[in-house]
Amino acid sequence: MSNIRFFSNALNRRQWLLLTGATLTGCGGGAGSLVASLPGTGGTGSPLLAQGTITGFGSVIVNGIKFDVTQASVKVDGVNTTSTDLRLGMVADVQAERGVDLTQGVASSIEVWSIAQGTLSQPGTNSLVVAGMSIQTSSSTVFDGVSAASQLASGQFVTVWGLQAAADGNRWGATRVSVLPAATGMVSSGLIAFANGQPTLHGMALTGSLANSLAPGNLVRLQGELAPDARSLAVSSVRVISATALVQGSGSVEIEGYVTAVTSSSSFTMGMIEVDASKAVYSPSNAFPTLGSQVEVYGVLTAGRLSATKVEIESEQMLGQAEIKGNVTDYVSLSNFVVYGQRCDASKASFSHGLASDLANWKGQVKVTGTKAGDLLVVSTLEYELEES
């Protein structure tokens, strides 16, 4: 057990998962008991919820775990769909069972929800306003419809996926921004307030029968029609966002988010979730997160409070990494092709099981790893997936 803790302190979560997974593969019949003893984990088949940014495909990768989605139900904004409609940067709730090691899981359901949809205003270097929400972008934000944040302009209609970045529910961190054809509907997320007995969200009066069920302080995602004067929203859909709604049944959780408050030397709030980190292992070692840090937390969630066994502070480099496995489509050149809906640039990549010149006519699958850069995945390694003989 002490050796496992040593690895946890020395390596980031994704390196730790890969190293542990590789070690367990060679352990024969003893692997299951070792997995069960690791911080924040159960054995094979134990319940698991992962909530975080999608960072890869082939399997759907969330928080460094590759989920088999063969039998999973998939919803995007409440609409039934398939995993082929998922994209890098979307934030997903994955209900699953653990696989044969820490790097794997078997998903039963995946739900993806956008946090904002509407007309963009006040675009800045790393910020924009949508549906009354202050949204920050970063080098790891994925863009669709524009190549970079610098191409965003006032008046564009966008959909945003992201994570709560402030306790007041007004500021959010964008993980994906898509520019879409103009529409009249709006999605907005934040904390409900009341003014003269009227529920409001980001200063907009909320109307309609669904608005009557809202309580002050609720963190919600609302969908509706914005009035012509932009002062009120006729609510057509309400989704209350709460920690207790995350877990169906018992099991471990692995959640990504921003630190929105530091409450003591061993506790903090991530989004709206209270985290008790008094017994947690930290990565980097002994690096307690500060306000605004982006973290992945692993542990058990009970009555809205997360008892953490591991807290990892994510670096910008980690957040920008992605891995995709799939067929090459829309090939234009080595610097312009698509894998699983993501445009890629492999002009500076290293290749295995083949040459760069093979890519144009390759009929099988490839696995690409690299760094997100606007609407591109800048590929560092490309592996041709050879069929087993």
Protein backbone atom coordinates (compact mmCIF):
# COMPACT_ATOMS: atom_id res chain seq x y z
CA MET A 1 0.00 0.00 0.00
CA SER A 2 2.86 2.40 0.78
CA ASN A 3 4.33 1.91 -2.69
CA ILE A 4 1.01 2.81 -4.31
CA ARG A 5 0.91 6.04 -2.30
CA PHE A 6 4.45 6.83 -3.41
CA PHE A 7 3.42 6.54 -7.06
CA SER A 8 0.38 8.73 -6.36
CA ASN A 9 2.52 11.54 -4.98
CA ALA A 10 5.16 11.40 -7.66
CA LEU A 11 3.05 11.17 -10.81
CA ASN A 12 0.07 13.01 -12.18
CA ARG A 13 -3.25 11.12 -12.29
CA ARG A 14 -3.09 10.10 -15.94
CA GLN A 15 0.51 8.87 -15.66
CA TRP A 16 -0.45 7.03 -12.46
CA LEU A 17 -3.41 5.36 -14.16
CA LEU A 18 -1.30 4.22 -17.08
CA LEU A 19 1.54 2.98 -14.90
CA THR A 20 -0.81 1.16 -12.54
CA GLY A 21 -2.78 -0.30 -15.44
CA ALA A 22 0.40 -1.60 -17.07
CA THR A 23 1.55 -3.08 -13.77
CA LEU A 24 -1.78 -4.80 -13.13
CA THR A 25 -1.83 -6.33 -16.60
CA GLY A 26 1.17 -8.43 -15.64
CA CYS A 27 -0.13 -9.39 -12.19
CA GLY A 28 -2.19 -12.41 -13.18
CA GLY A 29 -4.86 -13.40 -10.69
CA GLY A 30 -3.78 -10.86 -8.07
CA ALA A 31 -4.83 -7.78 -10.05
CA GLY A 32 -8.38 -7.52 -8.67
CA SER A 33 -7.34 -7.31 -5.02
CA LEU A 34 -4.69 -4.71 -5.81
CA VAL A 35 -7.16 -2.52 -7.70
CA ALA A 36 -9.58 -2.68 -4.76
CA SER A 37 -6.87 -1.45 -2.40
CA LEU A 38 -5.98 1.68 -4.38
CA PRO A 39 -7.13 5.08 -3.08
CA GLY A 40 -10.70 5.93 -4.11
CA THR A 41 -11.37 2.73 -6.01
CA GLY A 42 -13.37 -0.45 -5.78
CA GLY A 43 -12.69 -3.68 -7.57
CA THR A 44 -13.78 -4.72 -11.04
CA GLY A 45 -17.51 -4.12 -11.53
CA SER A 46 -17.87 -1.64 -8.67
CA PRO A 47 -20.05 1.44 -9.37
CA LEU A 48 -18.31 4.58 -10.58
CA LEU A 49 -19.36 8.07 -11.62
CA ALA A 50 -16.95 10.16 -13.65
CA GLN A 51 -17.80 13.77 -14.38
CA GLY A 52 -15.42 15.79 -16.50
CA THR A 53 -14.24 16.90 -19.91
CA ILE A 54 -14.13 14.41 -22.77
CA THR A 55 -10.47 14.14 -23.81
CA GLY A 56 -10.53 11.25 -26.24
CA PHE A 57 -12.32 8.67 -28.33
CA GLY A 58 -12.04 5.10 -29.50
CA SER A 59 -13.40 4.48 -26.10
CA VAL A 60 -14.84 7.66 -24.57
CA ILE A 61 -12.12 9.08 -22.30
CA VAL A 62 -13.10 11.12 -19.23
CA ASN A 63 -10.71 11.87 -16.35
CA GLY A 64 -8.11 9.56 -17.89
CA ILE A 65 -10.47 6.55 -17.88
CA LYS A 66 -11.32 4.81 -21.17
CA PHE A 67 -14.98 3.87 -21.06
CA ASP A 68 -16.45 1.10 -23.18
CA VAL A 69 -19.69 2.66 -24.45
CA THR A 70 -20.95 -0.30 -26.49
CA GLN A 71 -24.04 -0.77 -24.31
CA ALA A 72 -24.34 2.79 -22.95
CA SER A 73 -27.31 5.09 -23.40
CA VAL A 74 -26.20 8.55 -24.56
CA LYS A 75 -27.99 11.87 -24.18
CA VAL A 76 -26.92 15.34 -25.29
CA ASP A 77 -28.97 18.14 -23.71
CA GLY A 78 -31.63 15.60 -22.79
CA VAL A 79 -31.99 14.18 -26.30
CA ASN A 80 -31.26 10.51 -26.97
CA THR A 81 -28.36 10.07 -29.40
CA THR A 82 -25.25 7.91 -29.88
CA SER A 83 -21.61 8.22 -28.86
CA THR A 84 -20.70 9.25 -32.42
CA ASP A 85 -22.23 12.67 -31.65
CA LEU A 86 -19.88 13.31 -28.72
CA ARG A 87 -16.93 15.64 -29.26
CA LEU A 88 -13.73 16.76 -27.54
CA GLY A 89 -14.35 19.34 -24.84
CA MET A 90 -17.93 18.36 -24.03
CA VAL A 91 -18.48 17.82 -20.29
CA ALA A 92 -19.97 14.40 -19.53
CA ASP A 93 -21.53 12.57 -16.59
CA VAL A 94 -20.61 8.89 -16.99
CA GLN A 95 -22.38 6.23 -14.91
CA ALA A 96 -20.25 3.10 -15.13
CA GLU A 97 -18.68 0.07 -13.57
CA ARG A 98 -14.93 -0.23 -13.18
CA GLY A 99 -13.11 -2.35 -15.73
CA VAL A 100 -10.20 -4.71 -15.27
CA ASP A 101 -7.85 -1.91 -14.18
CA LEU A 102 -7.88 1.77 -13.21
CA THR A 103 -7.63 2.97 -16.80
CA GLN A 104 -10.86 1.27 -17.90
CA GLY A 105 -14.58 1.33 -17.23
CA VAL A 106 -17.81 0.05 -18.74
CA ALA A 107 -20.38 2.83 -19.14
CA SER A 108 -24.10 2.30 -18.71
CA SER A 109 -25.07 5.91 -19.44
CA ILE A 110 -23.46 9.14 -20.63
CA GLU A 111 -25.14 12.52 -20.28
CA VAL A 112 -23.75 15.71 -21.78
CA TRP A 113 -25.22 19.14 -21.03
CA SER A 114 -24.24 22.48 -22.52
CA ILE A 115 -24.04 25.30 -19.98
CA ALA A 116 -24.88 28.24 -22.25
CA GLN A 117 -26.46 28.97 -25.59
CA GLY A 118 -27.22 32.35 -27.07
CA THR A 119 -25.82 35.43 -28.73
CA LEU A 120 -22.23 36.22 -27.85
CA SER A 121 -21.21 39.65 -26.59
CA GLN A 122 -18.13 41.35 -25.17
CA PRO A 123 -15.53 38.98 -26.69
CA GLY A 124 -12.10 39.50 -25.14
CA THR A 125 -8.72 37.82 -25.21
CA ASN A 126 -9.85 35.02 -22.89
CA SER A 127 -13.44 35.90 -22.09
CA LEU A 128 -16.92 36.38 -23.51
CA VAL A 129 -20.48 36.87 -22.29
CA VAL A 130 -23.31 34.51 -23.30
CA ALA A 131 -26.81 34.38 -21.79
CA GLY A 132 -25.71 36.74 -19.03
CA MET A 133 -22.84 34.43 -18.04
CA SER A 134 -19.20 35.47 -17.85
CA ILE A 135 -17.26 32.74 -19.63
CA GLN A 136 -13.49 32.36 -19.68
CA THR A 137 -11.57 30.51 -22.37
CA SER A 138 -8.05 29.08 -22.27
CA SER A 139 -5.51 27.36 -24.47
CA SER A 140 -7.26 24.03 -23.79
CA THR A 141 -10.72 25.23 -24.91
CA VAL A 142 -11.86 23.45 -28.07
CA PHE A 143 -13.49 25.60 -30.78
CA ASP A 144 -15.86 24.60 -33.56
CA GLY A 145 -16.87 26.99 -36.34
CA VAL A 146 -13.91 29.29 -35.71
CA SER A 147 -10.24 28.36 -35.48
CA ALA A 148 -9.47 30.31 -32.30
CA ALA A 149 -10.94 32.60 -29.63
CA SER A 150 -9.62 35.62 -31.55
CA GLN A 151 -12.16 34.92 -34.32
CA LEU A 152 -15.20 35.15 -32.02
CA ALA A 153 -17.29 38.26 -32.65
CA SER A 154 -20.27 39.97 -31.04
CA GLY A 155 -23.58 38.78 -32.47
CA GLN A 156 -22.47 35.22 -33.18
CA PHE A 157 -24.75 32.49 -31.82
CA VAL A 158 -22.79 29.94 -29.76
CA THR A 159 -23.20 26.87 -27.60
CA VAL A 160 -20.76 26.49 -24.69
CA TRP A 161 -19.77 23.47 -22.59
CA GLY A 162 -17.82 24.03 -19.41
CA LEU A 163 -17.40 23.99 -15.64
CA GLN A 164 -18.53 26.32 -12.86
CA ALA A 165 -15.62 28.62 -11.97
CA ALA A 166 -17.10 30.88 -9.27
CA ALA A 167 -19.25 30.31 -6.20
CA ASP A 168 -21.84 32.88 -7.34
CA GLY A 169 -22.58 30.81 -10.46
CA ASN A 170 -21.85 33.76 -12.75
CA ARG A 171 -18.39 32.81 -14.03
CA TRP A 172 -17.71 29.56 -15.94
CA GLY A 173 -14.71 27.99 -17.66
CA ALA A 174 -15.35 26.98 -21.27
CA THR A 175 -14.12 23.56 -22.38
CA ARG A 176 -15.77 23.77 -25.83
CA VAL A 177 -17.34 26.62 -27.82
CA SER A 178 -19.30 25.97 -31.03
CA VAL A 179 -20.49 28.73 -33.38
CA LEU A 180 -23.91 27.80 -34.79
CA PRO A 181 -26.57 29.33 -37.05
CA ALA A 182 -28.61 31.97 -35.22
CA ALA A 183 -31.57 30.75 -33.18
CA THR A 184 -34.09 32.25 -30.78
CA GLY A 185 -33.67 29.77 -27.93
CA MET A 186 -31.40 30.40 -24.97
CA VAL A 187 -29.65 28.24 -22.38
CA SER A 188 -28.27 29.85 -19.24
CA SER A 189 -26.78 28.39 -16.05
CA GLY A 190 -26.32 29.97 -12.64
CA LEU A 191 -27.83 30.68 -9.23
CA ILE A 192 -31.49 31.67 -8.89
CA ALA A 193 -32.16 35.01 -7.18
CA PHE A 194 -35.40 36.85 -6.43
CA ALA A 195 -36.31 40.48 -7.06
CA ASN A 196 -39.68 41.76 -5.83
CA GLY A 197 -40.92 38.18 -5.59
CA GLN A 198 -39.86 37.41 -9.17
CA PRO A 199 -37.27 34.64 -9.82
CA THR A 200 -34.32 35.91 -11.82
CA LEU A 201 -31.16 34.52 -13.41
CA HIS A 202 -28.27 36.85 -14.28
CA GLY A 203 -30.71 39.77 -14.07
CA MET A 204 -33.30 38.21 -16.41
CA ALA A 205 -36.82 37.82 -15.04
CA LEU A 206 -37.99 34.20 -15.33
CA THR A 207 -41.55 33.60 -16.50
CA GLY A 208 -43.83 30.62 -17.14
CA SER A 209 -45.18 27.85 -14.92
CA LEU A 210 -41.77 26.14 -14.54
CA ALA A 211 -40.31 29.29 -13.04
CA ASN A 212 -42.66 28.97 -10.07
CA SER A 213 -40.81 25.87 -8.83
CA LEU A 214 -37.45 27.64 -8.57
CA ALA A 215 -36.00 28.54 -5.18
CA PRO A 216 -33.37 31.16 -4.36
CA GLY A 217 -29.87 29.72 -4.36
CA ASN A 218 -30.70 26.82 -6.69
CA LEU A 219 -27.92 26.20 -9.20
CA VAL A 220 -29.80 25.53 -12.43
CA ARG A 221 -29.54 25.14 -16.17
CA LEU A 222 -32.52 26.81 -17.81
CA GLN A 223 -33.70 26.66 -21.40
CA GLY A 224 -36.25 29.03 -22.86
CA GLU A 225 -37.19 31.87 -25.20
CA LEU A 226 -35.66 35.29 -24.63
CA ALA A 227 -38.05 38.23 -24.85
CA PRO A 228 -37.37 40.83 -27.59
CA ASP A 229 -36.20 43.33 -24.96
CA ALA A 230 -33.80 40.67 -23.53
CA ARG A 231 -35.09 41.34 -20.02
CA SER A 232 -37.02 38.13 -19.43
CA LEU A 233 -36.80 34.43 -20.26
CA ALA A 234 -39.87 32.25 -20.77
CA VAL A 235 -38.62 29.01 -19.20
CA SER A 236 -39.32 25.78 -21.10
CA SER A 237 -36.89 23.42 -19.33
CA VAL A 238 -35.28 23.31 -15.88
CA ARG A 239 -32.37 21.16 -14.77
CA VAL A 240 -31.28 21.58 -11.15
CA ILE A 241 -27.55 21.02 -10.81
CA SER A 242 -26.69 19.51 -7.43
CA ALA A 243 -24.08 17.23 -5.97
CA THR A 244 -26.66 14.77 -4.66
CA ALA A 245 -28.10 14.37 -8.17
CA LEU A 246 -24.76 13.16 -9.51
CA VAL A 247 -24.72 9.66 -8.09
CA GLN A 248 -27.33 6.99 -8.71
CA GLY A 249 -26.78 4.53 -5.88
CA SER A 250 -23.46 4.07 -4.09
CA GLY A 251 -19.95 3.98 -5.46
CA SER A 252 -16.84 6.04 -6.04
CA VAL A 253 -16.71 9.32 -7.94
CA GLU A 254 -14.03 11.03 -10.03
CA ILE A 255 -15.00 14.65 -10.65
CA GLU A 256 -13.28 17.50 -12.47
CA GLY A 257 -13.93 21.13 -11.59
CA TYR A 258 -12.69 24.50 -10.38
CA VAL A 259 -12.01 25.34 -6.74
CA THR A 260 -14.63 27.99 -5.97
CA ALA A 261 -13.84 28.42 -2.25
CA VAL A 262 -11.13 27.33 0.21
CA THR A 263 -12.79 26.73 3.56
CA SER A 264 -9.91 25.36 5.67
CA SER A 265 -6.45 23.83 5.42
CA SER A 266 -8.03 20.51 4.50
CA SER A 267 -11.31 21.38 2.79
CA PHE A 268 -12.54 23.32 -0.21
CA THR A 269 -15.52 23.69 -2.51
CA MET A 270 -15.39 22.49 -6.12
CA GLY A 271 -18.27 24.07 -8.02
CA MET A 272 -21.02 23.57 -5.44
CA ILE A 273 -19.57 20.37 -3.96
CA GLU A 274 -17.95 20.44 -0.51
CA VAL A 275 -14.70 18.45 -0.48
CA ASP A 276 -13.14 16.98 2.67
CA ALA A 277 -9.50 16.45 1.70
CA SER A 278 -8.20 15.66 5.20
CA LYS A 279 -7.30 12.08 4.19
CA ALA A 280 -6.40 12.74 0.56
CA VAL A 281 -3.20 12.09 -1.33
CA TYR A 282 -2.18 15.13 -3.36
CA SER A 283 -0.67 15.40 -6.81
CA PRO A 284 1.70 17.20 -7.05
CA SER A 285 2.74 16.05 -3.59
CA ASN A 286 1.59 18.35 -0.75
CA ALA A 287 0.24 20.94 -3.23
CA PHE A 288 -3.07 22.04 -1.70
CA PRO A 289 -5.30 23.67 -4.34
CA THR A 290 -5.92 27.42 -4.28
CA LEU A 291 -8.96 29.42 -5.31
CA GLY A 292 -9.43 29.05 -9.07
CA SER A 293 -7.34 25.89 -9.41
CA GLN A 294 -8.70 23.28 -11.79
CA VAL A 295 -8.67 19.88 -10.09
CA GLU A 296 -9.73 16.27 -10.39
CA VAL A 297 -10.99 14.81 -7.11
CA TYR A 298 -11.48 11.10 -6.38
CA GLY A 299 -13.38 9.63 -3.49
CA VAL A 300 -16.88 8.91 -2.18
CA LEU A 301 -19.81 11.34 -2.32
CA THR A 302 -22.26 11.22 0.58
CA ALA A 303 -25.12 13.69 1.07
CA GLY A 304 -23.48 16.21 -1.22
CA ARG A 305 -20.07 16.11 0.53
CA LEU A 306 -17.13 14.45 -1.19
CA SER A 307 -14.67 12.58 1.03
CA ALA A 308 -11.55 12.71 -1.13
CA THR A 309 -8.88 10.04 -1.35
CA LYS A 310 -6.92 11.83 -4.08
CA VAL A 311 -6.76 15.45 -5.26
CA GLU A 312 -4.90 16.25 -8.46
CA ILE A 313 -4.19 19.83 -9.51
CA GLU A 314 -4.33 19.94 -13.30
CA SER A 315 -1.74 21.89 -15.26
CA GLU A 316 -2.54 23.67 -18.52
CA GLN A 317 -0.36 21.10 -20.28
CA MET A 318 -2.44 18.22 -18.89
CA LEU A 319 -5.71 19.94 -19.77
CA GLY A 320 -4.63 20.35 -23.38
CA GLN A 321 -3.87 16.68 -24.05
CA ALA A 322 -6.15 14.41 -26.08
CA GLU A 323 -6.16 10.94 -27.65
CA ILE A 324 -8.42 9.75 -30.47
CA LYS A 325 -8.73 6.41 -32.21
CA GLY A 326 -10.75 6.08 -35.39
CA ASN A 327 -10.82 6.17 -39.18
CA VAL A 328 -9.30 9.00 -41.16
CA THR A 329 -11.91 11.05 -43.07
CA ASP A 330 -11.88 14.29 -45.07
CA TYR A 331 -8.18 13.93 -45.83
CA VAL A 332 -6.79 17.05 -47.50
CA SER A 333 -3.17 16.93 -46.44
CA LEU A 334 -0.96 15.79 -43.59
CA SER A 335 -1.89 19.00 -41.78
CA ASN A 336 -5.62 18.79 -42.51
CA PHE A 337 -7.65 15.62 -41.91
CA VAL A 338 -10.35 14.40 -39.55
CA VAL A 339 -10.48 11.57 -37.00
CA TYR A 340 -13.76 11.01 -35.09
CA GLY A 341 -15.06 14.45 -36.03
CA GLN A 342 -11.89 16.26 -34.91
CA ARG A 343 -9.70 18.08 -37.42
CA CYS A 344 -6.04 17.14 -37.00
CA ASP A 345 -2.60 18.43 -38.02
CA ALA A 346 0.08 15.70 -38.10
CA SER A 347 2.67 17.65 -40.07
CA LYS A 348 5.13 17.43 -37.17
CA ALA A 349 4.05 14.07 -35.74
CA SER A 350 6.09 10.94 -35.24
CA PHE A 351 4.63 7.84 -36.95
CA SER A 352 4.63 4.18 -35.96
CA HIS A 353 3.68 1.06 -37.98
CA GLY A 354 3.86 3.16 -41.15
CA LEU A 355 5.09 6.32 -42.84
CA ALA A 356 3.61 9.80 -43.10
CA SER A 357 3.04 9.18 -46.80
CA ASP A 358 0.76 6.21 -45.99
CA LEU A 359 -1.89 8.37 -44.32
CA ALA A 360 -3.61 9.65 -47.49
CA ASN A 361 -4.66 6.15 -48.55
CA TRP A 362 -4.91 4.40 -45.16
CA LYS A 363 -8.13 2.39 -44.85
CA GLY A 364 -7.78 1.16 -41.28
CA GLN A 365 -7.91 3.02 -37.99
CA VAL A 366 -5.27 5.28 -36.50
CA LYS A 367 -4.58 6.41 -32.95
CA VAL A 368 -3.52 10.04 -32.62
CA THR A 369 -2.31 11.77 -29.47
CA GLY A 370 -1.59 15.45 -29.23
CA THR A 371 -2.50 18.88 -27.93
CA LYS A 372 -5.72 20.83 -28.44
CA ALA A 373 -5.18 24.15 -30.19
CA GLY A 374 -8.37 26.01 -31.07
CA ASP A 375 -10.25 23.86 -33.57
CA LEU A 376 -7.24 21.60 -34.23
CA LEU A 377 -5.63 18.65 -32.55
CA VAL A 378 -1.91 19.15 -33.10
CA VAL A 379 -0.76 15.55 -33.35
CA SER A 380 2.48 14.51 -31.66
CA THR A 381 2.20 10.77 -32.35
CA LEU A 382 0.21 8.83 -34.95
CA GLU A 383 0.00 5.06 -34.78
CA TYR A 384 -1.43 2.99 -37.60
CA GLU A 385 -3.68 0.34 -36.08
CA LEU A 386 -2.68 -2.94 -37.72
CA GLU A 387 -5.19 -5.77 -37.96
CA GLU A 388 -4.31 -8.81 -35.89
CA SER A 389 -3.36 -11.80 -38.01
